[in-house]
Amino acid sequence: MTRDQVYDGYASGTSMRSFVEARDVANMAVFLGSDGARLVSGQVIAVDGHTENPDPKL
Protein backbone atom coordinates (compact mmCIF):
# COMPACT_ATOMS: atom_id res chain seq x y z
CA MET A 1 0.00 0.00 0.00
CA THR A 2 1.15 3.51 -0.70
CA ARG A 3 1.28 6.22 1.93
CA ASP A 4 -1.78 7.90 0.41
CA GLN A 5 -3.73 4.63 0.40
CA VAL A 6 -2.97 4.13 4.10
CA TYR A 7 -4.03 7.71 4.90
CA ASP A 8 -7.22 7.40 2.85
CA GLY A 9 -8.00 4.03 4.41
CA TYR A 10 -7.52 5.39 7.90
CA ALA A 11 -9.62 8.47 7.14
CA SER A 12 -12.44 6.28 5.81
CA GLY A 13 -12.55 4.56 9.21
CA THR A 14 -13.32 7.83 11.01
CA SER A 15 -16.68 9.56 11.32
CA MET A 16 -15.10 12.86 10.32
CA ARG A 17 -13.41 11.32 7.23
CA SER A 18 -10.09 12.96 7.96
CA PHE A 19 -6.60 11.97 9.04
CA VAL A 20 -5.53 13.20 12.46
CA GLU A 21 -2.41 15.33 12.23
CA ALA A 22 0.08 16.43 14.87
CA ARG A 23 -1.33 19.95 14.70
CA ASP A 24 -4.73 18.61 15.83
CA VAL A 25 -3.18 17.25 19.02
CA ALA A 26 -1.13 20.44 19.44
CA ASN A 27 -4.28 22.57 19.09
CA MET A 28 -5.94 20.60 21.89
CA ALA A 29 -2.86 21.05 24.09
CA VAL A 30 -2.89 24.81 23.43
CA PHE A 31 -6.58 24.97 24.26
CA LEU A 32 -6.08 23.06 27.51
CA GLY A 33 -3.33 25.50 28.46
CA SER A 34 -5.54 28.51 27.78
CA ASP A 35 -7.99 30.42 29.97
CA GLY A 36 -10.80 28.93 27.89
CA ALA A 37 -10.17 25.56 29.54
CA ARG A 38 -9.81 26.85 33.09
CA LEU A 39 -12.77 24.78 34.29
CA VAL A 40 -11.87 21.59 32.42
CA SER A 41 -10.62 18.87 34.74
CA GLY A 42 -10.60 15.11 34.94
CA GLN A 43 -11.56 14.54 31.33
CA VAL A 44 -10.45 12.05 28.71
CA ILE A 45 -10.26 13.99 25.47
CA ALA A 46 -9.76 11.90 22.34
CA VAL A 47 -8.28 13.75 19.39
CA ASP A 48 -8.89 10.96 16.92
CA GLY A 49 -11.58 12.10 14.47
CA HIS A 50 -13.92 9.58 16.15
CA THR A 51 -11.98 6.59 14.86
CA GLU A 52 -14.19 3.57 14.40
CA ASN A 53 -11.94 1.37 12.27
CA PRO A 54 -8.22 2.25 12.32
CA ASP A 55 -7.27 -0.63 10.00
CA PRO A 56 -6.83 0.79 6.47
CA LYS A 57 -7.31 -2.67 4.93
CA LEU A 58 -10.87 -3.10 6.21
C-alpha atoms as a PDB file:
ATOM      1  CA  MET A   1       0.000   0.000   0.000  1.00  0.00           C
ATOM      2  CA  THR A   2       1.151   3.505  -0.701  1.00  0.00           C
ATOM      3  CA  ARG A   3       1.278   6.220   1.935  1.00  0.00           C
ATOM      4  CA  ASP A   4      -1.781   7.900   0.412  1.00  0.00           C
ATOM      5  CA  GLN A   5      -3.725   4.625   0.405  1.00  0.00           C
ATOM      6  CA  VAL A   6      -2.969   4.129   4.098  1.00  0.00           C
ATOM      7  CA  TYR A   7      -4.028   7.712   4.904  1.00  0.00           C
ATOM      8  CA  ASP A   8      -7.217   7.402   2.850  1.00  0.00           C
ATOM      9  CA  GLY A   9      -8.005   4.028   4.407  1.00  0.00           C
ATOM     10  CA  TYR A  10      -7.517   5.395   7.903  1.00  0.00           C
ATOM     11  CA  ALA A  11      -9.624   8.465   7.142  1.00  0.00           C
ATOM     12  CA  SER A  12     -12.441   6.278   5.807  1.00  0.00           C
ATOM     13  CA  GLY A  13     -12.546   4.561   9.214  1.00  0.00           C
ATOM     14  CA  THR A  14     -13.321   7.829  11.006  1.00  0.00           C
ATOM     15  CA  SER A  15     -16.681   9.562  11.323  1.00  0.00           C
ATOM     16  CA  MET A  16     -15.101  12.863  10.322  1.00  0.00           C
ATOM     17  CA  ARG A  17     -13.409  11.325   7.233  1.00  0.00           C
ATOM     18  CA  SER A  18     -10.088  12.962   7.963  1.00  0.00           C
ATOM     19  CA  PHE A  19      -6.603  11.967   9.044  1.00  0.00           C
ATOM     20  CA  VAL A  20      -5.529  13.201  12.462  1.00  0.00           C
ATOM     21  CA  GLU A  21      -2.405  15.335  12.229  1.00  0.00           C
ATOM     22  CA  ALA A  22       0.077  16.431  14.865  1.00  0.00           C
ATOM     23  CA  ARG A  23      -1.327  19.954  14.705  1.00  0.00           C
ATOM     24  CA  ASP A  24      -4.725  18.612  15.826  1.00  0.00           C
ATOM     25  CA  VAL A  25      -3.179  17.252  19.023  1.00  0.00           C
ATOM     26  CA  ALA A  26      -1.130  20.441  19.441  1.00  0.00           C
ATOM     27  CA  ASN A  27      -4.278  22.566  19.091  1.00  0.00           C
ATOM     28  CA  MET A  28      -5.939  20.600  21.886  1.00  0.00           C
ATOM     29  CA  ALA A  29      -2.864  21.049  24.091  1.00  0.00           C
ATOM     30  CA  VAL A  30      -2.886  24.812  23.430  1.00  0.00           C
ATOM     31  CA  PHE A  31      -6.585  24.966  24.260  1.00  0.00           C
ATOM     32  CA  LEU A  32      -6.078  23.058  27.510  1.00  0.00           C
ATOM     33  CA  GLY A  33      -3.334  25.499  28.463  1.00  0.00           C
ATOM     34  CA  SER A  34      -5.542  28.511  27.781  1.00  0.00           C
ATOM     35  CA  ASP A  35      -7.987  30.422  29.973  1.00  0.00           C
ATOM     36  CA  GLY A  36     -10.803  28.930  27.887  1.00  0.00           C
ATOM     37  CA  ALA A  37     -10.174  25.559  29.538  1.00  0.00           C
ATOM     38  CA  ARG A  38      -9.814  26.847  33.088  1.00  0.00           C
ATOM     39  CA  LEU A  39     -12.766  24.779  34.293  1.00  0.00           C
ATOM     40  CA  VAL A  40     -11.870  21.590  32.418  1.00  0.00           C
ATOM     41  CA  SER A  41     -10.618  18.870  34.737  1.00  0.00           C
ATOM     42  CA  GLY A  42     -10.605  15.106  34.935  1.00  0.00           C
ATOM     43  CA  GLN A  43     -11.565  14.538  31.326  1.00  0.00           C
ATOM     44  CA  VAL A  44     -10.454  12.054  28.710  1.00  0.00           C
ATOM     45  CA  ILE A  45     -10.255  13.988  25.466  1.00  0.00           C
ATOM     46  CA  ALA A  46      -9.765  11.905  22.337  1.00  0.00           C
ATOM     47  CA  VAL A  47      -8.277  13.754  19.394  1.00  0.00           C
ATOM     48  CA  ASP A  48      -8.891  10.965  16.915  1.00  0.00           C
ATOM     49  CA  GLY A  49     -11.583  12.098  14.469  1.00  0.00           C
ATOM     50  CA  HIS A  50     -13.916   9.577  16.153  1.00  0.00           C
ATOM     51  CA  THR A  51     -11.977   6.591  14.861  1.00  0.00           C
ATOM     52  CA  GLU A  52     -14.189   3.568  14.396  1.00  0.00           C
ATOM     53  CA  ASN A  53     -11.940   1.375  12.266  1.00  0.00           C
ATOM     54  CA  PRO A  54      -8.223   2.254  12.324  1.00  0.00           C
ATOM     55  CA  ASP A  55      -7.267  -0.629   9.997  1.00  0.00           C
ATOM     56  CA  PRO A  56      -6.833   0.793   6.468  1.00  0.00           C
ATOM     57  CA  LYS A  57      -7.315  -2.665   4.930  1.00  0.00           C
ATOM     58  CA  LEU A  58     -10.873  -3.097   6.210  1.00  0.00           C
END
